[in-house]
Each structure stands twice: as C-alpha cells, then as structure tokens.
Amino acid sequence: MKPTLCKLLLTVLVAMGIAGPATAARVTIAQSLDPQSLWPNATTSADTYNAGTPIVESLFWLDASDNQIKPLLALSYTQDSPNQITIKLRPNVKFTNGEPMNADAVIFSYNVVTDPKQTPAYTRYFEGFSKITKIDNLTVQVDTSYPLPPMGLTLSLFFVVPPKYWTEVGGAVAFGRKPIGTGPFTFHSWVRDAQVVLKRNDAYWGKLPENIDELVFKSVPDFGARVAGAITGEVDIAKQVPISSVADLRKRVNLKVLEVNAFTVVHLILSSLEQHKSPLQDKRVRHAINFAIDKQGIIDGLFLGNARRLNGQLLRPTQPGYDPNIVDYPYDPKKAKQLLTEAGYPNGFQVPFKVPVGSIQQGQEVAEAVAGMLGAIGITAKIQLLEAGEYLRQLRARELGPMAISGNQPPDDSHFMMSQYHSTWRYSYINDAELDKLIDEGKVEMDPKKRDAIYRKISALIYEQAPVGFINGGVDHYAVNAKLKNFHPRGDGRYFFYNVSLDK
C-alpha cells in the first residue's frame, strides 16, 4: 500500500475511534450504530441484537451454517397439540450472578416478553402466547391462542433473564445497560457511541469460542471507516462493507469477504396515514413514485449487479406467498407524470425524504438516485439525513412519514415480514382493513397451501395499495479477518459466536 494511503487510512481510523492496539484474543466488530440496549429483546435492531446475544441467551438459536433451529437454554420442545407445546430446559445452567436458569426464570422471562409495555418491539412475535405453566423445575408448558406456524423461529427469539437481578435493577432499561446472562461472554464496559466491551465467561455451561477472550463492538457509521479498519487489521469483522470496496478487499490475504443473501428489502416508506398529510395519501401518487424509479439502473449502477429485483413484492422467492405472476412496476416516467396529473399535481410537489446514515448498504447513494428520478417527474424530494438511532426512534413513533427509505430485515418467515403492515403495528404506515384481515388469517394458518394462498393475496394487495416504493433486495458483504473461523452471518443481519474460533 502506498504511504499516503496508509496515512489516510490511519487518519480515518483515529477519527472514528477504531485505531489502537489489538491483541490476538480480541475480536473487534465494526457496525453501523451504537446498541440501543444490550438486552436482545429491547429492539429489533440487528446491531443491538448482535451485541447482546453473547451475554443473554435464548431458548433456541438459528444456526446460519445450515439454517437449522438448534437447542440452547432449552434442549427440546414438543408440539402436544396445535395450541400447546412442552419445553424441556437444559440442566445445571446458572446466570453469572449465581441465579439458576430454570422453569421459574423462563416463566419470569415469558411475562416480560409478552408484556407490550416492557417489550414493545417483540410483542407481535409472542402475541399468540396465552399461558405458561411450570411442570417441574426443568419443564414448562406453553399454551397459545391459535396455532403458530413458525414456532421454532419464535422460540429462538425468546431470551431468558435472571428474575432477581432484573427486579433489583428496575427492569428493561437498567438491565439493558448492564445485563447479566448465561452466555459465553459477560458485560465489561460501554462507552456510549463508541464501543461495548465483553469479556470471556470462563464459567460458561457450554463450549466457549476458541482463543477469543474479548469482543469489542464499535459504533462506526461511516462505511469507508469500516473498510479502512478491516484493511489495517484493527477490525476483525466489518459489517455491510460497500460493494465498491469488495473487489479490493478480496485481494487482501489477511481478509475474507463473506457474501450473504440478505433478507433486506430496500424500499420507500410511502405513508398514507392521516397524520402524514401529503399528496402520498392518493394511491395514484404512490403508483407514480413506483413508476418513476429505475430499479435495474440502481442495481447495475450502485450495486454493480450485486442485488436482486423485488419483482413488486416484499417476500423472497423461497418464502410462502411469493407470487411469480407479480412483476415490478416498470420504469416509466411518462406514466408516472400522467398519474401525477390525474391526481391533481401536474407541476409536481415537494416532500421531505428521511434517510438514515450508515445503516442501509449504499442507502444514501440510493436515496440520492431516487430523489433524482423523482425530480425528473416533478417531485422534489428534500433529503433529511438522520443518525441511525434517531431514525429508529422515528420509525417506532411513526414519525418517518410521509416518505423515507427503509431496509426491512425481519426473521425468515412470511408473517414476520407482512405483519409489519398491520395497522396495529408500530412500524406500519398503512391502515387498511382488508390487509389487516388477511394478515390475521395468515398468522394462524398451518396448512402450507392455504398459507401460501393467503400471503399471495397480501402480496397482491400491497402491490396495488403501494404503501412502499419497491427498490431492491440486498446482498450483505462482511470483511472478516482470515483467521476467524466458522463465523456465519444470517440473512437478517444477525450473527452469533457459537463454534467460532480465532487462529493464533
């Protein structure tokens, strides 16, 4: 590397707080934002989840290496009836403060994760749970109000907390600042907007990651700084590196680039809610925006072909409800202008356009390209850049309307994607009774063919109502230290350190 480039990279690293001495036993992760909490059930943010799961563990986990649900704090669950399961817990497991991980802890945690006041981000995942019963110290029975098709995946989102400590510190907020769990790492320190440090838990009940004594999660919203950190070796895992850097990163012997078919759906939020008064409340305007976007041009120009067409729907081809008969809105600026005129806006209009910094791959570039395309049909999209944490706050409060760019990345089930558009959900920017009815039907249908048919109807309705502007599906790239083995990120942006090792 040229000396001037080395100096430039070092300057960037120091400015972003990355540069510093590294040790062979430390794994440093550069991600887009500072965790909002270290309790994984606090928010659906992947960066929050990833920093918390080495400490606080769930009943099961989804292993991305083979896409299988595997035991963790639970050994197994059996489906006793369509509306009842029995969960067998792992024996001889303790939280790091000495509290036992047993049926009482699971029941306490159940009461937390099913309470919308304590766990608003995950209520929809557990809304079907109705009752939990202790059978013995290592067995619980869970009743549901209706059958739950993605039961295993749902249980992998159920994190177990120590009842006494949770109560002593005063609940979710304080627990998330200084959590105690059963995991392979323990909380050590947290410098806000800089880094979280976790230390190896030598009393861990299971197999520890090999040769890793410390995990450091650094908040690095700048994509270029993440790349620089990976190149210089100051960062062992750089999440969401831009496609423009991938070819160079692949040439470096100290790195490997992991390419993950992401669940991400990059789209525009087009709010039709009453509180977001704008021309977007007219469906013709939302259709016009979709016709104005050159989706293939974005994929080819900004992602060098490393992204996928959405084909006018939110689900992926592997998911129930994906309909091959639905196709993307074609790129047709003339049609878009015609629709604007029919809606009463022949000269266009101005609309705020909210964009997060650093959390969606190429997000700012995509937003700028979309703004240019909308400008060509007379819509002036005024970009407002938001720090990632503030963007998430506004998303949850339904303050992003009337228009924003988003990158949905829910767990891999059709209901978890589509339920985000139910009018009662805090991320929803549409209120449609027919859509709500179909979503409610889909969440309880166990028959695969009937379930597929319901979600196809949902896909068709979302296409017609256009609460989103379809852009592209993502491919995530991670720049990873070549010495780090068995690190497998998932398509929803989440990853674990089970079975991971660091070569000396």
Protein backbone atom coordinates (compact mmCIF):
# COMPACT_ATOMS: atom_id res chain seq x y z
CA MET A 1 0.00 0.00 0.00
CA LYS A 2 1.25 3.49 -0.81
CA PRO A 3 2.48 5.54 2.20
CA THR A 4 -0.04 8.32 1.52
CA LEU A 5 -2.92 5.83 1.54
CA CYS A 6 -1.66 4.31 4.80
CA LYS A 7 -1.62 7.78 6.39
CA LEU A 8 -5.11 8.49 5.07
CA LEU A 9 -6.49 5.22 6.47
CA LEU A 10 -4.85 5.83 9.85
CA THR A 11 -6.33 9.34 9.98
CA VAL A 12 -9.80 7.95 9.27
CA LEU A 13 -9.39 5.24 11.91
CA VAL A 14 -8.27 7.63 14.61
CA ALA A 15 -11.14 9.99 13.76
CA MET A 16 -13.65 7.15 14.06
CA GLY A 17 -12.13 5.79 17.26
CA ILE A 18 -11.00 2.50 15.73
CA ALA A 19 -7.24 2.73 15.77
CA GLY A 20 -5.50 1.29 18.79
CA PRO A 21 -3.52 -1.71 19.95
CA ALA A 22 -5.09 -5.10 19.19
CA THR A 23 -4.50 -8.42 20.86
CA ALA A 24 -4.70 -11.90 19.39
CA ALA A 25 -7.50 -12.78 21.82
CA ARG A 26 -9.71 -9.82 20.94
CA VAL A 27 -12.30 -9.78 18.15
CA THR A 28 -13.37 -6.27 17.14
CA ILE A 29 -16.61 -5.73 15.25
CA ALA A 30 -17.38 -2.52 13.36
CA GLN A 31 -21.11 -1.97 12.97
CA SER A 32 -23.27 0.95 11.94
CA LEU A 33 -24.70 2.09 15.25
CA ASP A 34 -24.28 2.05 18.99
CA PRO A 35 -26.60 -0.54 20.57
CA GLN A 36 -29.77 0.93 22.00
CA SER A 37 -29.66 -1.72 24.70
CA LEU A 38 -27.72 -4.92 25.47
CA TRP A 39 -30.93 -6.83 26.11
CA PRO A 40 -31.67 -8.59 22.79
CA ASN A 41 -35.45 -8.26 23.17
CA ALA A 42 -35.23 -4.48 23.62
CA THR A 43 -35.40 -3.60 19.93
CA THR A 44 -35.43 -5.36 16.56
CA SER A 45 -32.20 -3.61 15.55
CA ALA A 46 -29.67 -6.22 14.40
CA ASP A 47 -26.76 -4.22 15.84
CA THR A 48 -28.43 -4.20 19.26
CA TYR A 49 -29.22 -7.91 19.00
CA ASN A 50 -25.67 -8.87 17.98
CA ALA A 51 -24.05 -7.04 20.88
CA GLY A 52 -26.46 -8.53 23.43
CA THR A 53 -26.68 -12.18 22.42
CA PRO A 54 -23.17 -13.15 23.58
CA ILE A 55 -24.39 -12.26 27.10
CA VAL A 56 -28.12 -13.06 27.22
CA GLU A 57 -29.17 -16.34 25.63
CA SER A 58 -32.39 -17.61 24.07
CA LEU A 59 -34.16 -20.95 24.34
CA PHE A 60 -33.02 -21.96 20.83
CA TRP A 61 -30.89 -20.38 18.12
CA LEU A 62 -30.94 -20.37 14.33
CA ASP A 63 -27.59 -21.56 13.00
CA ALA A 64 -26.85 -19.87 9.67
CA SER A 65 -24.30 -22.54 8.71
CA ASP A 66 -27.13 -25.00 7.98
CA ASN A 67 -30.25 -22.87 8.60
CA GLN A 68 -31.41 -25.17 11.41
CA ILE A 69 -33.03 -24.29 14.75
CA LYS A 70 -30.78 -25.74 17.48
CA PRO A 71 -31.03 -26.17 21.27
CA LEU A 72 -29.56 -23.57 23.57
CA LEU A 73 -31.08 -22.99 27.00
CA ALA A 74 -33.82 -25.42 26.01
CA LEU A 75 -32.99 -28.98 24.97
CA SER A 76 -36.19 -29.57 23.02
CA TYR A 77 -39.84 -28.72 22.57
CA THR A 78 -42.71 -30.99 21.58
CA GLN A 79 -45.98 -29.99 19.95
CA ASP A 80 -48.55 -31.60 22.25
CA SER A 81 -51.48 -30.19 20.30
CA PRO A 82 -51.99 -27.41 17.74
CA ASN A 83 -52.23 -24.92 20.62
CA GLN A 84 -49.79 -26.34 23.17
CA ILE A 85 -46.08 -27.13 23.44
CA THR A 86 -43.87 -28.57 26.17
CA ILE A 87 -40.31 -27.19 26.55
CA LYS A 88 -37.53 -29.16 28.23
CA LEU A 89 -34.79 -26.95 29.70
CA ARG A 90 -31.07 -27.58 29.93
CA PRO A 91 -29.99 -28.66 33.44
CA ASN A 92 -27.19 -27.18 35.56
CA VAL A 93 -27.13 -23.74 33.94
CA LYS A 94 -26.67 -20.59 36.02
CA PHE A 95 -26.65 -16.89 35.29
CA THR A 96 -23.30 -15.28 36.02
CA ASN A 97 -24.64 -13.79 39.27
CA GLY A 98 -25.42 -17.30 40.52
CA GLU A 99 -29.17 -17.32 39.90
CA PRO A 100 -30.41 -20.63 38.44
CA MET A 101 -31.68 -20.83 34.86
CA ASN A 102 -34.80 -22.94 35.38
CA ALA A 103 -38.55 -23.01 34.86
CA ASP A 104 -39.05 -20.06 37.21
CA ALA A 105 -36.62 -17.93 35.19
CA VAL A 106 -38.34 -18.91 31.93
CA ILE A 107 -41.78 -18.07 33.36
CA PHE A 108 -40.49 -14.71 34.58
CA SER A 109 -38.99 -14.04 31.13
CA TYR A 110 -42.26 -15.11 29.48
CA ASN A 111 -44.10 -12.47 31.49
CA VAL A 112 -41.56 -9.90 30.30
CA VAL A 113 -41.51 -10.72 26.57
CA THR A 114 -45.30 -10.99 26.30
CA ASP A 115 -45.85 -7.62 28.03
CA PRO A 116 -46.15 -4.85 25.40
CA LYS A 117 -45.15 -2.24 27.97
CA GLN A 118 -41.85 -3.98 28.75
CA THR A 119 -41.13 -5.50 25.33
CA PRO A 120 -42.92 -3.43 22.66
CA ALA A 121 -40.51 -4.44 19.89
CA TYR A 122 -41.24 -8.17 20.18
CA THR A 123 -44.91 -8.23 21.18
CA ARG A 124 -46.04 -9.29 17.70
CA TYR A 125 -43.74 -12.32 17.78
CA PHE A 126 -45.31 -13.59 21.00
CA GLU A 127 -48.86 -12.27 20.61
CA GLY A 128 -50.20 -15.82 20.20
CA PHE A 129 -48.82 -16.98 23.53
CA SER A 130 -51.61 -17.14 26.12
CA LYS A 131 -50.38 -19.11 29.14
CA ILE A 132 -47.28 -20.72 30.63
CA THR A 133 -47.29 -23.47 33.26
CA LYS A 134 -44.47 -24.93 35.32
CA ILE A 135 -44.45 -28.73 35.08
CA ASP A 136 -41.26 -29.20 37.05
CA ASN A 137 -38.01 -27.32 37.62
CA LEU A 138 -36.81 -28.01 34.07
CA THR A 139 -40.09 -28.25 32.16
CA VAL A 140 -42.67 -25.66 31.12
CA GLN A 141 -45.84 -25.90 29.08
CA VAL A 142 -46.91 -23.05 26.82
CA ASP A 143 -50.47 -22.62 25.54
CA THR A 144 -51.23 -20.48 22.52
CA SER A 145 -54.43 -18.77 21.42
CA TYR A 146 -54.03 -20.21 17.94
CA PRO A 147 -51.55 -22.42 16.06
CA LEU A 148 -48.19 -20.74 15.40
CA PRO A 149 -46.59 -21.91 12.12
CA PRO A 150 -43.09 -20.52 12.86
CA MET A 151 -42.91 -21.92 16.42
CA GLY A 152 -39.20 -22.87 16.37
CA LEU A 153 -38.19 -19.50 14.97
CA THR A 154 -40.36 -17.74 17.55
CA LEU A 155 -38.74 -19.65 20.42
CA SER A 156 -35.31 -18.61 19.11
CA LEU A 157 -36.37 -15.01 19.85
CA PHE A 158 -37.24 -15.80 23.48
CA PHE A 159 -34.36 -14.60 25.69
CA VAL A 160 -34.12 -15.69 29.32
CA VAL A 161 -33.23 -13.16 32.03
CA PRO A 162 -32.40 -13.59 35.75
CA PRO A 163 -35.57 -12.69 37.72
CA LYS A 164 -33.90 -11.40 40.89
CA TYR A 165 -31.35 -9.19 39.11
CA TRP A 166 -33.94 -7.86 36.63
CA THR A 167 -36.16 -6.84 39.54
CA GLU A 168 -33.32 -5.37 41.59
CA VAL A 169 -32.11 -3.07 38.81
CA GLY A 170 -35.64 -1.94 37.97
CA GLY A 171 -36.46 -3.62 34.67
CA ALA A 172 -35.72 -3.33 30.97
CA VAL A 173 -33.85 -0.04 30.68
CA ALA A 174 -31.38 -0.62 33.52
CA PHE A 175 -30.95 -4.29 32.63
CA GLY A 176 -30.12 -3.33 29.04
CA ARG A 177 -27.36 -1.02 30.25
CA LYS A 178 -25.63 -3.68 32.34
CA PRO A 179 -27.05 -7.13 31.56
CA ILE A 180 -26.39 -10.46 33.24
CA GLY A 181 -26.97 -13.68 31.36
CA THR A 182 -25.88 -17.26 30.80
CA GLY A 183 -23.82 -16.64 27.66
CA PRO A 184 -20.19 -17.21 26.67
CA PHE A 185 -19.32 -13.56 27.38
CA THR A 186 -20.05 -11.11 30.19
CA PHE A 187 -20.57 -7.38 30.16
CA HIS A 188 -17.41 -5.37 30.90
CA SER A 189 -17.85 -1.75 29.77
CA TRP A 190 -19.80 0.55 27.49
CA VAL A 191 -18.68 3.95 26.21
CA ARG A 192 -21.73 5.43 24.55
CA ASP A 193 -21.47 5.99 20.78
CA ALA A 194 -18.01 4.43 20.83
CA GLN A 195 -17.71 0.82 21.96
CA VAL A 196 -19.07 -2.06 24.02
CA VAL A 197 -16.55 -4.49 25.55
CA LEU A 198 -17.48 -8.05 26.56
CA LYS A 199 -15.18 -10.47 28.41
CA ARG A 200 -14.94 -14.25 28.13
CA ASN A 201 -17.12 -16.16 30.64
CA ASP A 202 -14.87 -18.94 31.91
CA ALA A 203 -17.79 -20.44 33.85
CA TYR A 204 -19.87 -20.86 30.69
CA TRP A 205 -22.01 -24.00 30.65
CA GLY A 206 -21.16 -24.85 27.03
CA LYS A 207 -18.26 -24.76 24.61
CA LEU A 208 -16.52 -21.40 24.52
CA PRO A 209 -15.34 -19.78 21.27
CA GLU A 210 -11.70 -20.80 20.86
CA ASN A 211 -8.92 -18.28 21.50
CA ILE A 212 -11.32 -15.35 21.97
CA ASP A 213 -11.07 -13.56 25.29
CA GLU A 214 -12.83 -10.35 24.39
CA LEU A 215 -15.45 -8.99 21.97
CA VAL A 216 -15.42 -5.28 21.16
CA PHE A 217 -18.40 -3.80 19.30
CA LYS A 218 -17.51 -0.42 17.82
CA SER A 219 -20.00 2.10 16.51
CA VAL A 220 -18.72 3.07 13.05
CA PRO A 221 -21.49 4.67 10.95
CA ASP A 222 -19.10 5.56 8.12
CA PHE A 223 -18.82 2.75 5.55
CA GLY A 224 -15.35 3.86 4.48
CA ALA A 225 -14.05 3.75 8.04
CA ARG A 226 -15.26 0.17 8.41
CA VAL A 227 -13.38 -0.78 5.27
CA ALA A 228 -10.26 1.05 6.45
CA GLY A 229 -10.40 -0.78 9.78
CA ALA A 230 -10.60 -4.15 8.05
CA ILE A 231 -7.68 -3.34 5.74
CA THR A 232 -5.37 -2.27 8.56
CA GLY A 233 -6.36 -5.18 10.78
CA GLU A 234 -7.86 -3.01 13.53
CA VAL A 235 -11.25 -4.55 12.81
CA ASP A 236 -11.89 -8.29 12.60
CA ILE A 237 -15.46 -8.06 11.35
CA ALA A 238 -16.63 -5.11 9.25
CA LYS A 239 -20.36 -5.30 8.68
CA GLN A 240 -22.03 -4.12 5.48
CA VAL A 241 -18.98 -3.04 3.52
CA PRO A 242 -19.95 -1.25 0.28
CA ILE A 243 -19.90 -3.21 -2.95
CA SER A 244 -17.42 -0.72 -4.42
CA SER A 245 -14.81 -1.97 -1.93
CA VAL A 246 -15.42 -5.71 -2.28
CA ALA A 247 -13.08 -6.38 -5.21
CA ASP A 248 -10.14 -4.72 -3.41
CA LEU A 249 -10.93 -6.46 -0.11
CA ARG A 250 -10.94 -9.86 -1.81
CA LYS A 251 -7.36 -9.35 -2.96
CA ARG A 252 -6.06 -8.97 0.59
CA VAL A 253 -4.57 -12.11 2.11
CA ASN A 254 -5.43 -11.07 5.66
CA LEU A 255 -9.15 -10.88 4.85
CA LYS A 256 -12.02 -12.89 3.51
CA VAL A 257 -15.24 -11.41 2.20
CA LEU A 258 -18.45 -13.16 3.19
CA GLU A 259 -21.37 -12.65 0.83
CA VAL A 260 -24.80 -13.24 2.37
CA ASN A 261 -28.10 -13.30 0.51
CA ALA A 262 -29.78 -10.79 2.77
CA PHE A 263 -33.42 -10.72 3.78
CA THR A 264 -33.20 -6.96 3.36
CA VAL A 265 -35.92 -5.27 1.34
CA VAL A 266 -34.78 -1.77 0.40
CA HIS A 267 -37.86 0.33 -0.27
CA LEU A 268 -39.51 3.67 0.27
CA ILE A 269 -42.00 4.15 3.08
CA LEU A 270 -44.95 5.90 1.40
CA SER A 271 -47.28 6.82 4.22
CA SER A 272 -51.00 7.06 3.65
CA LEU A 273 -51.74 7.65 7.35
CA GLU A 274 -53.98 10.57 8.28
CA GLN A 275 -51.30 12.18 10.44
CA HIS A 276 -48.99 12.47 7.43
CA LYS A 277 -50.88 14.93 5.27
CA SER A 278 -49.30 14.93 1.82
CA PRO A 279 -50.06 14.06 -1.81
CA LEU A 280 -48.88 10.50 -0.99
CA GLN A 281 -52.28 9.81 0.55
CA ASP A 282 -53.52 9.47 -3.03
CA LYS A 283 -52.79 5.96 -4.34
CA ARG A 284 -52.13 7.34 -7.82
CA VAL A 285 -49.23 9.35 -6.45
CA ARG A 286 -47.78 6.26 -4.76
CA HIS A 287 -48.09 4.39 -8.05
CA ALA A 288 -46.41 7.29 -9.85
CA ILE A 289 -43.43 7.10 -7.48
CA ASN A 290 -43.07 3.39 -8.24
CA PHE A 291 -43.17 4.00 -12.00
CA ALA A 292 -40.54 6.75 -11.61
CA ILE A 293 -37.87 4.52 -10.03
CA ASP A 294 -35.37 2.87 -12.37
CA LYS A 295 -34.79 -0.18 -10.21
CA GLN A 296 -32.49 -2.02 -12.62
CA GLY A 297 -30.48 1.15 -13.10
CA ILE A 298 -29.91 1.35 -9.34
CA ILE A 299 -28.94 -2.33 -9.14
CA ASP A 300 -26.50 -2.04 -12.04
CA GLY A 301 -25.11 1.39 -11.27
CA LEU A 302 -24.82 1.39 -7.48
CA PHE A 303 -24.55 -2.32 -6.68
CA LEU A 304 -22.67 -3.44 -9.81
CA GLY A 305 -25.37 -6.06 -10.31
CA ASN A 306 -24.95 -7.45 -6.75
CA ALA A 307 -28.57 -7.00 -5.69
CA ARG A 308 -31.87 -8.51 -6.73
CA ARG A 309 -35.11 -7.26 -8.21
CA LEU A 310 -38.01 -7.32 -5.78
CA ASN A 311 -40.48 -8.08 -8.56
CA GLY A 312 -43.07 -5.86 -6.95
CA GLN A 313 -43.28 -7.77 -3.67
CA LEU A 314 -41.75 -7.90 -0.22
CA LEU A 315 -41.33 -11.67 0.07
CA ARG A 316 -38.42 -13.62 -1.38
CA PRO A 317 -38.88 -16.48 -3.90
CA THR A 318 -38.18 -19.06 -1.16
CA GLN A 319 -40.98 -17.80 1.10
CA PRO A 320 -44.66 -18.79 1.19
CA GLY A 321 -46.70 -16.14 -0.59
CA TYR A 322 -44.15 -15.15 -3.21
CA ASP A 323 -46.06 -14.84 -6.48
CA PRO A 324 -44.10 -15.23 -9.73
CA ASN A 325 -47.02 -13.68 -11.59
CA ILE A 326 -46.41 -10.31 -9.94
CA VAL A 327 -43.80 -8.19 -11.70
CA ASP A 328 -42.13 -4.92 -10.83
CA TYR A 329 -43.68 -1.61 -11.75
CA PRO A 330 -41.79 -0.86 -14.98
CA TYR A 331 -39.60 2.20 -15.21
CA ASP A 332 -41.98 4.57 -16.99
CA PRO A 333 -41.53 8.30 -16.22
CA LYS A 334 -44.21 9.18 -18.79
CA LYS A 335 -46.77 7.01 -16.99
CA ALA A 336 -45.65 8.50 -13.67
CA LYS A 337 -46.24 12.07 -14.90
CA GLN A 338 -49.64 11.06 -16.27
CA LEU A 339 -50.68 9.67 -12.87
CA LEU A 340 -49.49 12.84 -11.09
CA THR A 341 -51.60 14.93 -13.44
CA GLU A 342 -54.65 12.72 -12.85
CA ALA A 343 -54.12 13.11 -9.10
CA GLY A 344 -54.09 16.90 -9.43
CA TYR A 345 -50.35 17.54 -9.35
CA PRO A 346 -49.35 18.35 -12.95
CA ASN A 347 -46.48 20.51 -11.69
CA GLY A 348 -45.38 18.06 -9.02
CA PHE A 349 -44.85 18.89 -5.35
CA GLN A 350 -42.23 18.92 -2.61
CA VAL A 351 -41.92 16.21 0.05
CA PRO A 352 -39.46 15.56 2.90
CA PHE A 353 -37.40 12.39 2.38
CA LYS A 354 -35.81 10.88 5.51
CA VAL A 355 -32.65 8.81 5.15
CA PRO A 356 -30.60 7.02 7.86
CA VAL A 357 -26.81 7.39 7.91
CA GLY A 358 -24.76 4.20 7.68
CA SER A 359 -27.41 1.56 8.39
CA ILE A 360 -28.61 0.62 4.88
CA GLN A 361 -25.97 -0.55 2.41
CA GLN A 362 -25.45 2.23 -0.15
CA GLY A 363 -28.52 3.82 1.45
CA GLN A 364 -27.54 7.45 0.92
CA GLU A 365 -26.49 6.82 -2.68
CA VAL A 366 -29.76 5.00 -3.39
CA ALA A 367 -31.73 7.83 -1.80
CA GLU A 368 -29.91 10.42 -3.90
CA ALA A 369 -30.57 8.40 -7.06
CA VAL A 370 -34.26 8.04 -6.19
CA ALA A 371 -34.53 11.75 -5.42
CA GLY A 372 -33.09 12.49 -8.86
CA MET A 373 -35.58 10.16 -10.54
CA LEU A 374 -38.49 11.73 -8.68
CA GLY A 375 -37.19 15.16 -9.63
CA ALA A 376 -37.48 14.14 -13.27
CA ILE A 377 -41.27 13.78 -12.89
CA GLY A 378 -41.67 16.97 -10.83
CA ILE A 379 -41.46 15.64 -7.26
CA THR A 380 -38.85 17.48 -5.22
CA ALA A 381 -37.69 15.03 -2.53
CA LYS A 382 -35.86 17.03 0.16
CA ILE A 383 -33.39 14.60 1.76
CA GLN A 384 -33.07 14.77 5.55
CA LEU A 385 -30.18 12.70 6.90
CA LEU A 386 -30.82 11.11 10.29
CA GLU A 387 -28.37 9.45 12.67
CA ALA A 388 -29.28 5.76 12.78
CA GLY A 389 -30.54 5.84 16.37
CA GLU A 390 -32.79 8.84 15.71
CA TYR A 391 -34.07 7.19 12.53
CA LEU A 392 -35.09 4.09 14.52
CA ARG A 393 -36.80 6.26 17.12
CA GLN A 394 -38.83 8.00 14.44
CA LEU A 395 -39.64 4.66 12.77
CA ARG A 396 -41.08 3.29 16.01
CA ALA A 397 -43.01 6.51 16.68
CA ARG A 398 -44.39 6.58 13.12
CA GLU A 399 -42.67 9.91 12.52
CA LEU A 400 -40.88 9.00 9.29
CA GLY A 401 -43.84 9.88 7.10
CA PRO A 402 -44.70 10.89 4.57
CA MET A 403 -41.61 9.41 2.87
CA ALA A 404 -38.42 7.68 3.95
CA ILE A 405 -36.06 4.98 2.75
CA SER A 406 -36.09 1.75 4.72
CA GLY A 407 -34.38 -1.65 4.77
CA ASN A 408 -36.70 -4.22 6.37
CA GLN A 409 -34.75 -7.27 7.55
CA PRO A 410 -37.10 -9.40 9.71
CA PRO A 411 -36.60 -13.06 10.69
CA ASP A 412 -37.22 -15.55 7.90
CA ASP A 413 -40.97 -16.06 7.93
CA SER A 414 -43.70 -14.57 5.74
CA HIS A 415 -45.75 -13.48 8.75
CA PHE A 416 -42.86 -11.62 10.32
CA MET A 417 -42.46 -9.60 7.12
CA MET A 418 -46.12 -8.95 6.36
CA SER A 419 -47.24 -8.27 9.93
CA GLN A 420 -45.18 -5.08 9.76
CA TYR A 421 -48.00 -3.70 7.58
CA HIS A 422 -50.80 -4.47 10.04
CA SER A 423 -52.37 -1.20 11.14
CA THR A 424 -51.80 -2.02 14.82
CA TRP A 425 -48.05 -2.46 14.43
CA ARG A 426 -45.84 0.44 15.37
CA TYR A 427 -43.80 0.25 12.14
CA SER A 428 -46.87 0.33 9.88
CA TYR A 429 -47.55 3.35 7.69
CA ILE A 430 -50.79 2.00 6.21
CA ASN A 431 -54.26 1.44 7.69
CA ASP A 432 -56.20 -0.98 5.51
CA ALA A 433 -58.95 -3.24 6.92
CA GLU A 434 -58.67 -5.83 4.16
CA LEU A 435 -54.91 -6.06 4.62
CA ASP A 436 -55.32 -6.44 8.39
CA LYS A 437 -57.83 -9.27 7.88
CA LEU A 438 -55.52 -11.20 5.57
CA ILE A 439 -52.52 -10.77 7.89
CA ASP A 440 -54.62 -12.08 10.78
CA GLU A 441 -55.63 -15.11 8.70
CA GLY A 442 -52.07 -15.85 7.62
CA LYS A 443 -50.59 -15.88 11.10
CA VAL A 444 -52.79 -18.82 12.23
CA GLU A 445 -52.93 -20.94 9.07
CA MET A 446 -50.96 -24.18 9.41
CA ASP A 447 -51.80 -25.71 6.03
CA PRO A 448 -48.88 -24.81 3.71
CA LYS A 449 -51.00 -24.45 0.55
CA LYS A 450 -53.64 -22.31 2.24
CA ARG A 451 -50.94 -20.24 3.92
CA ASP A 452 -49.23 -19.64 0.59
CA ALA A 453 -52.54 -18.55 -0.96
CA ILE A 454 -53.21 -16.06 1.84
CA TYR A 455 -49.78 -14.45 1.56
CA ARG A 456 -50.13 -14.24 -2.22
CA LYS A 457 -53.29 -12.21 -1.66
CA ILE A 458 -51.36 -10.00 0.76
CA SER A 459 -48.57 -9.52 -1.79
CA ALA A 460 -51.10 -8.55 -4.46
CA LEU A 461 -52.85 -6.10 -2.15
CA ILE A 462 -49.59 -4.42 -1.09
CA TYR A 463 -48.64 -4.13 -4.78
CA GLU A 464 -51.97 -2.45 -5.52
CA GLN A 465 -52.11 -0.17 -2.47
CA ALA A 466 -48.40 0.69 -2.78
CA PRO A 467 -47.54 1.62 0.82
CA VAL A 468 -43.96 1.12 -0.35
CA GLY A 469 -41.80 2.14 -3.27
CA PHE A 470 -40.09 -1.06 -4.39
CA ILE A 471 -36.33 -0.72 -4.96
CA ASN A 472 -34.16 -3.82 -4.44
CA GLY A 473 -33.29 -6.84 -2.35
CA GLY A 474 -29.90 -6.82 -0.73
CA VAL A 475 -26.69 -8.80 -0.64
CA ASP A 476 -24.68 -8.17 2.54
CA HIS A 477 -20.88 -8.21 2.46
CA TYR A 478 -18.73 -8.69 5.55
CA ALA A 479 -14.97 -8.12 5.56
CA VAL A 480 -13.64 -10.68 8.05
CA ASN A 481 -10.20 -11.46 9.49
CA ALA A 482 -8.99 -14.58 7.64
CA LYS A 483 -8.04 -16.13 10.99
CA LEU A 484 -11.63 -16.06 12.21
CA LYS A 485 -13.27 -19.42 11.53
CA ASN A 486 -16.91 -20.60 11.44
CA PHE A 487 -18.38 -17.11 11.51
CA HIS A 488 -21.72 -17.31 9.69
CA PRO A 489 -23.90 -14.17 9.48
CA ARG A 490 -27.58 -14.66 8.80
CA GLY A 491 -29.68 -13.03 6.11
CA ASP A 492 -31.43 -10.89 8.73
CA GLY A 493 -28.13 -9.24 9.72
CA ARG A 494 -27.76 -11.23 12.94
CA TYR A 495 -24.85 -13.46 13.93
CA PHE A 496 -23.58 -15.49 16.87
CA PHE A 497 -20.21 -16.63 18.20
CA TYR A 498 -21.12 -20.24 18.92
CA ASN A 499 -18.49 -22.56 17.35
CA VAL A 500 -16.39 -19.57 16.22
CA SER A 501 -12.63 -19.70 16.69
CA LEU A 502 -9.67 -17.39 16.14
CA ASP A 503 -6.47 -18.93 14.82
CA LYS A 504 -3.37 -17.90 16.71
